[in-house]
Amino acid sequence: MKLIKDLMYGTQDTENQVLDIYLPDEASEKPTDLLIYFHGGGLINGDKNNGVNFEYFVNKGIAIISANYRMYPTAKFPDFLEDAAAVVYWAKENMGTYMKVRKTFVGGSSAGAYMAVMLAFDTHYLGAHGINVNDINGYIINSSQMTTHFSVLNERGISAKRIIVDEAAPVYHLSEDTVFPNSLVIVSDNDMACRLEQNMMFLKTASVFGCPEEKMKFKLMEGFTHCKYDKLEDFADILLEYMNSIQ
């Protein structure tokens, strides 16, 4: 495995707008899938060193980008979403230096999943970089809040317990005009309050607006609390199986 650390992808925050690349040894020799994965932490903490089992993925032949991004209290909505889109753009522009990219996936856990699902369904973030949401082969959405994120509510001086749906809510962006990208939605049965219900609501809403069954897959992590499975090999296998299923 080759690890390349602290590459800058942005221009506004040299401390937080950095990413790491984890490369399989054979990445320079043959086309390799790339997973861009954003860490969780409520948009207020967390680090690119934390996330899925990076080494396990690399040993299975998957390259990983893990990025830091601007967070509260210094960040404001939508700084972190713009950073997530900038990471994807950086990967599109620069990963050819390190490997031949076969398929690209964007995902995250908790707050990182919120960022991934917002990129997938609010098309203007990637669109600002000339990227169509379907230029990404698939999105991995692991325990995202599907209404307006609680940290965004805190920024607005609104109780984090409120259920609000506006432009900062992933479900807000589902409509008759949605072109659904490939997505895997994951949540646990003992997740945070309302998290399971919100994900089921998101899936049902997508169905109501005509999302083809093959476009949006769902996995329930039984017997777990919020994202406590993230570093398990069984979870990595679920992600790998999904990535391999996308042609």
C-alpha atoms as a PDB file:
ATOM      1  CA  MET A   1       0.000   0.000   0.000  1.00  0.00           C
ATOM      2  CA  LYS A   2       1.147   3.526  -0.801  1.00  0.00           C
ATOM      3  CA  LEU A   3      -0.114   6.429   1.352  1.00  0.00           C
ATOM      4  CA  ILE A   4       0.095  10.005   0.076  1.00  0.00           C
ATOM      5  CA  LYS A   5      -0.840  12.491   2.797  1.00  0.00           C
ATOM      6  CA  ASP A   6      -2.058  16.052   3.096  1.00  0.00           C
ATOM      7  CA  LEU A   7      -2.528  17.064  -0.514  1.00  0.00           C
ATOM      8  CA  MET A   8      -4.304  20.404  -0.807  1.00  0.00           C
ATOM      9  CA  TYR A   9      -7.521  20.484  -2.816  1.00  0.00           C
ATOM     10  CA  GLY A  10      -8.832  23.946  -1.886  1.00  0.00           C
ATOM     11  CA  THR A  11      -7.642  27.521  -1.624  1.00  0.00           C
ATOM     12  CA  GLN A  12      -9.570  28.901   1.355  1.00  0.00           C
ATOM     13  CA  ASP A  13      -8.395  26.804   4.315  1.00  0.00           C
ATOM     14  CA  THR A  14      -4.951  25.249   4.107  1.00  0.00           C
ATOM     15  CA  GLU A  15      -5.423  23.335   7.363  1.00  0.00           C
ATOM     16  CA  ASN A  16      -8.732  21.637   6.622  1.00  0.00           C
ATOM     17  CA  GLN A  17      -8.876  21.429   2.821  1.00  0.00           C
ATOM     18  CA  VAL A  18      -6.441  18.517   2.555  1.00  0.00           C
ATOM     19  CA  LEU A  19      -6.822  14.892   1.534  1.00  0.00           C
ATOM     20  CA  ASP A  20      -4.999  11.571   1.780  1.00  0.00           C
ATOM     21  CA  ILE A  21      -4.754   8.923  -0.947  1.00  0.00           C
ATOM     22  CA  TYR A  22      -4.454   5.216  -0.174  1.00  0.00           C
ATOM     23  CA  LEU A  23      -3.238   3.305  -3.235  1.00  0.00           C
ATOM     24  CA  PRO A  24      -3.017  -0.445  -3.858  1.00  0.00           C
ATOM     25  CA  ASP A  25       0.416  -1.547  -4.977  1.00  0.00           C
ATOM     26  CA  GLU A  26      -0.915  -2.523  -8.403  1.00  0.00           C
ATOM     27  CA  ALA A  27      -2.829   0.749  -9.017  1.00  0.00           C
ATOM     28  CA  SER A  28      -0.223   2.039 -11.461  1.00  0.00           C
ATOM     29  CA  GLU A  29      -0.427  -1.155 -13.523  1.00  0.00           C
ATOM     30  CA  LYS A  30      -4.137  -1.702 -14.152  1.00  0.00           C
ATOM     31  CA  PRO A  31      -7.472   0.186 -13.965  1.00  0.00           C
ATOM     32  CA  THR A  32      -8.558   0.527 -10.342  1.00  0.00           C
ATOM     33  CA  ASP A  33     -11.783   1.594  -8.638  1.00  0.00           C
ATOM     34  CA  LEU A  34     -11.680   4.730  -6.471  1.00  0.00           C
ATOM     35  CA  LEU A  35     -13.746   5.362  -3.341  1.00  0.00           C
ATOM     36  CA  ILE A  36     -13.912   8.952  -2.059  1.00  0.00           C
ATOM     37  CA  TYR A  37     -15.102   8.635   1.544  1.00  0.00           C
ATOM     38  CA  PHE A  38     -15.980  11.446   3.970  1.00  0.00           C
ATOM     39  CA  HIS A  39     -15.686  10.968   7.731  1.00  0.00           C
ATOM     40  CA  GLY A  40     -18.477  11.624  10.203  1.00  0.00           C
ATOM     41  CA  GLY A  41     -18.579  13.727  13.339  1.00  0.00           C
ATOM     42  CA  GLY A  42     -21.686  15.880  13.134  1.00  0.00           C
ATOM     43  CA  LEU A  43     -19.953  18.493  10.944  1.00  0.00           C
ATOM     44  CA  ILE A  44     -18.175  19.634  14.122  1.00  0.00           C
ATOM     45  CA  ASN A  45     -15.386  17.091  14.649  1.00  0.00           C
ATOM     46  CA  GLY A  46     -13.713  14.062  13.102  1.00  0.00           C
ATOM     47  CA  ASP A  47     -10.689  13.640  10.883  1.00  0.00           C
ATOM     48  CA  LYS A  48      -9.677  12.051   7.593  1.00  0.00           C
ATOM     49  CA  ASN A  49      -7.702   9.449   9.540  1.00  0.00           C
ATOM     50  CA  ASN A  50     -11.019   8.073  10.843  1.00  0.00           C
ATOM     51  CA  GLY A  51     -13.494   6.255   8.689  1.00  0.00           C
ATOM     52  CA  VAL A  52     -13.794   2.880   7.069  1.00  0.00           C
ATOM     53  CA  ASN A  53     -11.060   0.235   7.194  1.00  0.00           C
ATOM     54  CA  PHE A  54      -8.819   1.873   4.579  1.00  0.00           C
ATOM     55  CA  GLU A  55      -6.158  -0.854   4.604  1.00  0.00           C
ATOM     56  CA  TYR A  56      -8.744  -3.585   4.073  1.00  0.00           C
ATOM     57  CA  PHE A  57     -10.090  -1.826   0.964  1.00  0.00           C
ATOM     58  CA  VAL A  58      -6.616  -1.261  -0.428  1.00  0.00           C
ATOM     59  CA  ASN A  59      -5.784  -4.927   0.090  1.00  0.00           C
ATOM     60  CA  LYS A  60      -8.875  -5.716  -1.995  1.00  0.00           C
ATOM     61  CA  GLY A  61      -7.602  -3.515  -4.814  1.00  0.00           C
ATOM     62  CA  ILE A  62      -9.642  -0.349  -4.103  1.00  0.00           C
ATOM     63  CA  ALA A  63      -8.014   3.090  -3.936  1.00  0.00           C
ATOM     64  CA  ILE A  64      -9.300   5.489  -1.271  1.00  0.00           C
ATOM     65  CA  ILE A  65      -9.402   9.254  -0.921  1.00  0.00           C
ATOM     66  CA  SER A  66     -10.166  10.478   2.590  1.00  0.00           C
ATOM     67  CA  ALA A  67     -10.465  14.234   3.035  1.00  0.00           C
ATOM     68  CA  ASN A  68     -10.762  16.791   5.762  1.00  0.00           C
ATOM     69  CA  TYR A  69     -13.252  19.604   5.225  1.00  0.00           C
ATOM     70  CA  ARG A  70     -14.339  22.819   6.899  1.00  0.00           C
ATOM     71  CA  MET A  71     -16.501  22.254   9.980  1.00  0.00           C
ATOM     72  CA  TYR A  72     -18.308  24.177  12.673  1.00  0.00           C
ATOM     73  CA  PRO A  73     -17.796  26.447  14.534  1.00  0.00           C
ATOM     74  CA  THR A  74     -15.711  28.257  11.895  1.00  0.00           C
ATOM     75  CA  ALA A  75     -17.571  26.852   8.870  1.00  0.00           C
ATOM     76  CA  LYS A  76     -21.039  27.846   7.784  1.00  0.00           C
ATOM     77  CA  PHE A  77     -23.537  26.069   5.540  1.00  0.00           C
ATOM     78  CA  PRO A  78     -22.721  25.131   2.789  1.00  0.00           C
ATOM     79  CA  ASP A  79     -18.908  25.354   3.196  1.00  0.00           C
ATOM     80  CA  PHE A  80     -18.534  21.625   3.890  1.00  0.00           C
ATOM     81  CA  LEU A  81     -20.678  20.676   0.905  1.00  0.00           C
ATOM     82  CA  GLU A  82     -18.645  22.909  -1.371  1.00  0.00           C
ATOM     83  CA  ASP A  83     -15.515  21.232   0.015  1.00  0.00           C
ATOM     84  CA  ALA A  84     -16.933  17.779  -0.719  1.00  0.00           C
ATOM     85  CA  ALA A  85     -17.621  18.788  -4.307  1.00  0.00           C
ATOM     86  CA  ALA A  86     -14.123  20.257  -4.560  1.00  0.00           C
ATOM     87  CA  VAL A  87     -12.634  16.921  -3.459  1.00  0.00           C
ATOM     88  CA  VAL A  88     -14.535  15.108  -6.215  1.00  0.00           C
ATOM     89  CA  TYR A  89     -13.360  17.683  -8.744  1.00  0.00           C
ATOM     90  CA  TRP A  90      -9.770  17.348  -7.514  1.00  0.00           C
ATOM     91  CA  ALA A  91      -9.994  13.587  -7.941  1.00  0.00           C
ATOM     92  CA  LYS A  92     -11.370  13.932 -11.463  1.00  0.00           C
ATOM     93  CA  GLU A  93      -8.573  16.313 -12.414  1.00  0.00           C
ATOM     94  CA  ASN A  94      -5.614  14.756 -10.611  1.00  0.00           C
ATOM     95  CA  MET A  95      -6.004  11.048  -9.879  1.00  0.00           C
ATOM     96  CA  GLY A  96      -4.765  10.177 -13.341  1.00  0.00           C
ATOM     97  CA  THR A  97      -1.317  11.129 -12.069  1.00  0.00           C
ATOM     98  CA  TYR A  98      -1.429   8.249  -9.584  1.00  0.00           C
ATOM     99  CA  MET A  99      -3.572   5.580 -11.230  1.00  0.00           C
ATOM    100  CA  LYS A 100      -5.931   4.741 -14.055  1.00  0.00           C
ATOM    101  CA  VAL A 101      -9.379   5.190 -12.527  1.00  0.00           C
ATOM    102  CA  ARG A 102     -11.932   2.609 -13.614  1.00  0.00           C
ATOM    103  CA  LYS A 103     -14.994   3.550 -11.528  1.00  0.00           C
ATOM    104  CA  THR A 104     -15.451   6.343  -8.985  1.00  0.00           C
ATOM    105  CA  PHE A 105     -17.663   6.105  -5.907  1.00  0.00           C
ATOM    106  CA  VAL A 106     -18.485   8.837  -3.394  1.00  0.00           C
ATOM    107  CA  GLY A 107     -19.583   7.969   0.127  1.00  0.00           C
ATOM    108  CA  GLY A 108     -19.404   8.725   3.785  1.00  0.00           C
ATOM    109  CA  SER A 109     -20.619   7.900   7.248  1.00  0.00           C
ATOM    110  CA  SER A 110     -23.076  10.009   9.256  1.00  0.00           C
ATOM    111  CA  ALA A 111     -22.167  13.657   8.531  1.00  0.00           C
ATOM    112  CA  GLY A 112     -19.972  12.366   5.709  1.00  0.00           C
ATOM    113  CA  ALA A 113     -22.974  10.496   4.325  1.00  0.00           C
ATOM    114  CA  TYR A 114     -25.021  13.696   4.550  1.00  0.00           C
ATOM    115  CA  MET A 115     -22.383  15.343   2.379  1.00  0.00           C
ATOM    116  CA  ALA A 116     -22.395  12.456  -0.095  1.00  0.00           C
ATOM    117  CA  VAL A 117     -26.173  12.338  -0.451  1.00  0.00           C
ATOM    118  CA  MET A 118     -26.362  16.112  -0.867  1.00  0.00           C
ATOM    119  CA  LEU A 119     -23.852  15.868  -3.716  1.00  0.00           C
ATOM    120  CA  ALA A 120     -25.939  13.112  -5.263  1.00  0.00           C
ATOM    121  CA  PHE A 121     -29.290  14.904  -5.163  1.00  0.00           C
ATOM    122  CA  ASP A 122     -28.596  18.653  -5.010  1.00  0.00           C
ATOM    123  CA  THR A 123     -26.994  18.798  -8.417  1.00  0.00           C
ATOM    124  CA  HIS A 124     -25.572  22.313  -8.208  1.00  0.00           C
ATOM    125  CA  TYR A 125     -22.623  21.405  -5.949  1.00  0.00           C
ATOM    126  CA  LEU A 126     -20.971  19.089  -8.440  1.00  0.00           C
ATOM    127  CA  GLY A 127     -22.448  21.093 -11.291  1.00  0.00           C
ATOM    128  CA  ALA A 128     -20.401  24.102 -10.203  1.00  0.00           C
ATOM    129  CA  HIS A 129     -17.358  22.062 -11.259  1.00  0.00           C
ATOM    130  CA  GLY A 130     -18.883  20.824 -14.506  1.00  0.00           C
ATOM    131  CA  ILE A 131     -19.569  17.378 -13.029  1.00  0.00           C
ATOM    132  CA  ASN A 132     -22.880  15.589 -13.550  1.00  0.00           C
ATOM    133  CA  VAL A 133     -24.038  13.522 -10.578  1.00  0.00           C
ATOM    134  CA  ASN A 134     -24.123  10.503 -12.891  1.00  0.00           C
ATOM    135  CA  ASP A 135     -20.453  10.980 -13.732  1.00  0.00           C
ATOM    136  CA  ILE A 136     -20.014   9.210 -10.382  1.00  0.00           C
ATOM    137  CA  ASN A 137     -20.641   5.468 -10.634  1.00  0.00           C
ATOM    138  CA  GLY A 138     -22.331   5.216  -7.254  1.00  0.00           C
ATOM    139  CA  TYR A 139     -22.954   6.917  -3.912  1.00  0.00           C
ATOM    140  CA  ILE A 140     -22.606   5.128  -0.570  1.00  0.00           C
ATOM    141  CA  ILE A 141     -24.841   6.804   2.023  1.00  0.00           C
ATOM    142  CA  ASN A 142     -24.148   5.358   5.469  1.00  0.00           C
ATOM    143  CA  SER A 143     -26.517   6.645   8.170  1.00  0.00           C
ATOM    144  CA  SER A 144     -27.190  10.107   6.804  1.00  0.00           C
ATOM    145  CA  GLN A 145     -29.624  12.599   8.239  1.00  0.00           C
ATOM    146  CA  MET A 146     -32.180  13.062   5.467  1.00  0.00           C
ATOM    147  CA  THR A 147     -33.796  16.221   6.827  1.00  0.00           C
ATOM    148  CA  THR A 148     -31.879  19.450   7.483  1.00  0.00           C
ATOM    149  CA  HIS A 149     -28.756  18.485   9.424  1.00  0.00           C
ATOM    150  CA  PHE A 150     -28.866  19.187  13.147  1.00  0.00           C
ATOM    151  CA  SER A 151     -25.650  21.235  13.011  1.00  0.00           C
ATOM    152  CA  VAL A 152     -27.166  23.427  10.321  1.00  0.00           C
ATOM    153  CA  LEU A 153     -30.165  23.935  12.596  1.00  0.00           C
ATOM    154  CA  ASN A 154     -27.816  24.898  15.428  1.00  0.00           C
ATOM    155  CA  GLU A 155     -26.181  27.442  13.132  1.00  0.00           C
ATOM    156  CA  ARG A 156     -29.592  28.977  12.548  1.00  0.00           C
ATOM    157  CA  GLY A 157     -30.427  29.068  16.245  1.00  0.00           C
ATOM    158  CA  ILE A 158     -33.055  26.336  15.847  1.00  0.00           C
ATOM    159  CA  SER A 159     -33.382  23.333  18.150  1.00  0.00           C
ATOM    160  CA  ALA A 160     -31.365  20.408  16.790  1.00  0.00           C
ATOM    161  CA  LYS A 161     -34.315  18.152  17.617  1.00  0.00           C
ATOM    162  CA  ARG A 162     -36.534  19.827  15.025  1.00  0.00           C
ATOM    163  CA  ILE A 163     -37.450  18.037  11.814  1.00  0.00           C
ATOM    164  CA  ILE A 164     -37.120  20.616   9.063  1.00  0.00           C
ATOM    165  CA  VAL A 165     -37.025  20.086   5.309  1.00  0.00           C
ATOM    166  CA  ASP A 166     -35.530  22.845   3.198  1.00  0.00           C
ATOM    167  CA  GLU A 167     -32.638  23.284   0.761  1.00  0.00           C
ATOM    168  CA  ALA A 168     -30.235  21.832   3.333  1.00  0.00           C
ATOM    169  CA  ALA A 169     -32.212  18.565   3.510  1.00  0.00           C
ATOM    170  CA  PRO A 170     -31.393  15.708   1.110  1.00  0.00           C
ATOM    171  CA  VAL A 171     -35.046  14.669   0.817  1.00  0.00           C
ATOM    172  CA  TYR A 172     -35.983  18.201  -0.283  1.00  0.00           C
ATOM    173  CA  HIS A 173     -34.189  17.600  -3.572  1.00  0.00           C
ATOM    174  CA  LEU A 174     -36.270  14.591  -4.618  1.00  0.00           C
ATOM    175  CA  SER A 175     -38.871  15.495  -7.238  1.00  0.00           C
ATOM    176  CA  GLU A 176     -40.455  14.484 -10.512  1.00  0.00           C
ATOM    177  CA  ASP A 177     -37.351  15.888 -12.238  1.00  0.00           C
ATOM    178  CA  THR A 178     -34.800  13.856 -10.274  1.00  0.00           C
ATOM    179  CA  VAL A 179     -32.478  11.707 -12.362  1.00  0.00           C
ATOM    180  CA  PHE A 180     -31.550   9.077  -9.817  1.00  0.00           C
ATOM    181  CA  PRO A 181     -27.883   8.057  -9.605  1.00  0.00           C
ATOM    182  CA  ASN A 182     -26.791   4.657  -8.347  1.00  0.00           C
ATOM    183  CA  SER A 183     -26.999   4.761  -4.556  1.00  0.00           C
ATOM    184  CA  LEU A 184     -26.601   2.435  -1.592  1.00  0.00           C
ATOM    185  CA  VAL A 185     -28.441   3.588   1.540  1.00  0.00           C
ATOM    186  CA  ILE A 186     -27.289   2.029   4.817  1.00  0.00           C
ATOM    187  CA  VAL A 187     -28.644   2.502   8.330  1.00  0.00           C
ATOM    188  CA  SER A 188     -28.715   0.502  11.562  1.00  0.00           C
ATOM    189  CA  ASP A 189     -31.762  -0.705  13.430  1.00  0.00           C
ATOM    190  CA  ASN A 190     -30.551   0.908  16.687  1.00  0.00           C
ATOM    191  CA  ASP A 191     -29.330   4.129  15.105  1.00  0.00           C
ATOM    192  CA  MET A 192     -29.691   7.694  16.400  1.00  0.00           C
ATOM    193  CA  ALA A 193     -33.181   8.940  17.194  1.00  0.00           C
ATOM    194  CA  CYS A 194     -35.255   9.201  13.983  1.00  0.00           C
ATOM    195  CA  ARG A 195     -32.297   8.176  11.781  1.00  0.00           C
ATOM    196  CA  LEU A 196     -33.792   4.835  10.686  1.00  0.00           C
ATOM    197  CA  GLU A 197     -37.185   6.457  10.123  1.00  0.00           C
ATOM    198  CA  GLN A 198     -35.669   9.300   8.105  1.00  0.00           C
ATOM    199  CA  ASN A 199     -33.809   6.893   5.845  1.00  0.00           C
ATOM    200  CA  MET A 200     -36.944   4.826   5.280  1.00  0.00           C
ATOM    201  CA  MET A 201     -38.821   8.044   4.482  1.00  0.00           C
ATOM    202  CA  PHE A 202     -36.112   9.013   1.988  1.00  0.00           C
ATOM    203  CA  LEU A 203     -36.311   5.626   0.272  1.00  0.00           C
ATOM    204  CA  LYS A 204     -40.103   5.766   0.114  1.00  0.00           C
ATOM    205  CA  THR A 205     -40.060   9.311  -1.240  1.00  0.00           C
ATOM    206  CA  ALA A 206     -37.584   8.274  -3.937  1.00  0.00           C
ATOM    207  CA  SER A 207     -39.912   5.423  -4.864  1.00  0.00           C
ATOM    208  CA  VAL A 208     -42.898   7.772  -5.044  1.00  0.00           C
ATOM    209  CA  PHE A 209     -40.968   9.934  -7.501  1.00  0.00           C
ATOM    210  CA  GLY A 210     -40.203   6.942  -9.690  1.00  0.00           C
ATOM    211  CA  CYS A 211     -36.736   5.855  -8.630  1.00  0.00           C
ATOM    212  CA  PRO A 212     -36.034   2.537 -10.380  1.00  0.00           C
ATOM    213  CA  GLU A 213     -35.513  -0.263  -7.874  1.00  0.00           C
ATOM    214  CA  GLU A 214     -32.121  -1.115  -9.312  1.00  0.00           C
ATOM    215  CA  LYS A 215     -30.884   2.460  -8.830  1.00  0.00           C
ATOM    216  CA  MET A 216     -31.258   2.642  -5.050  1.00  0.00           C
ATOM    217  CA  LYS A 217     -30.220  -0.283  -2.870  1.00  0.00           C
ATOM    218  CA  PHE A 218     -30.801  -0.552   0.875  1.00  0.00           C
ATOM    219  CA  LYS A 219     -28.956  -2.360   3.637  1.00  0.00           C
ATOM    220  CA  LEU A 220     -30.116  -2.555   7.258  1.00  0.00           C
ATOM    221  CA  MET A 221     -27.294  -3.162   9.729  1.00  0.00           C
ATOM    222  CA  GLU A 222     -29.040  -5.263  12.332  1.00  0.00           C
ATOM    223  CA  GLY A 223     -27.923  -5.237  15.953  1.00  0.00           C
ATOM    224  CA  PHE A 224     -25.767  -2.105  15.688  1.00  0.00           C
ATOM    225  CA  THR A 225     -25.929   1.419  17.009  1.00  0.00           C
ATOM    226  CA  HIS A 226     -24.929   4.468  14.960  1.00  0.00           C
ATOM    227  CA  CYS A 227     -22.029   3.584  12.615  1.00  0.00           C
ATOM    228  CA  LYS A 228     -20.422   1.187  15.116  1.00  0.00           C
ATOM    229  CA  TYR A 229     -19.771  -1.233  12.257  1.00  0.00           C
ATOM    230  CA  ASP A 230     -17.734   1.161  10.094  1.00  0.00           C
ATOM    231  CA  LYS A 231     -14.338  -0.503  10.542  1.00  0.00           C
ATOM    232  CA  LEU A 232     -15.579  -4.094  10.432  1.00  0.00           C
ATOM    233  CA  GLU A 233     -14.556  -6.294   7.541  1.00  0.00           C
ATOM    234  CA  ASP A 234     -18.190  -7.381   7.136  1.00  0.00           C
ATOM    235  CA  PHE A 235     -19.144  -3.763   6.434  1.00  0.00           C
ATOM    236  CA  ALA A 236     -16.268  -3.369   3.996  1.00  0.00           C
ATOM    237  CA  ASP A 237     -17.465  -6.497   2.211  1.00  0.00           C
ATOM    238  CA  ILE A 238     -20.947  -4.956   1.836  1.00  0.00           C
ATOM    239  CA  LEU A 239     -19.425  -1.888   0.207  1.00  0.00           C
ATOM    240  CA  LEU A 240     -17.153  -3.960  -2.012  1.00  0.00           C
ATOM    241  CA  GLU A 241     -20.038  -6.140  -3.156  1.00  0.00           C
ATOM    242  CA  TYR A 242     -22.029  -3.054  -4.053  1.00  0.00           C
ATOM    243  CA  MET A 243     -19.143  -1.432  -5.910  1.00  0.00           C
ATOM    244  CA  ASN A 244     -18.492  -4.611  -7.872  1.00  0.00           C
ATOM    245  CA  SER A 245     -22.184  -4.826  -8.822  1.00  0.00           C
ATOM    246  CA  ILE A 246     -22.050  -1.475 -10.629  1.00  0.00           C
ATOM    247  CA  GLN A 247     -20.950  -1.841 -14.230  1.00  0.00           C
END
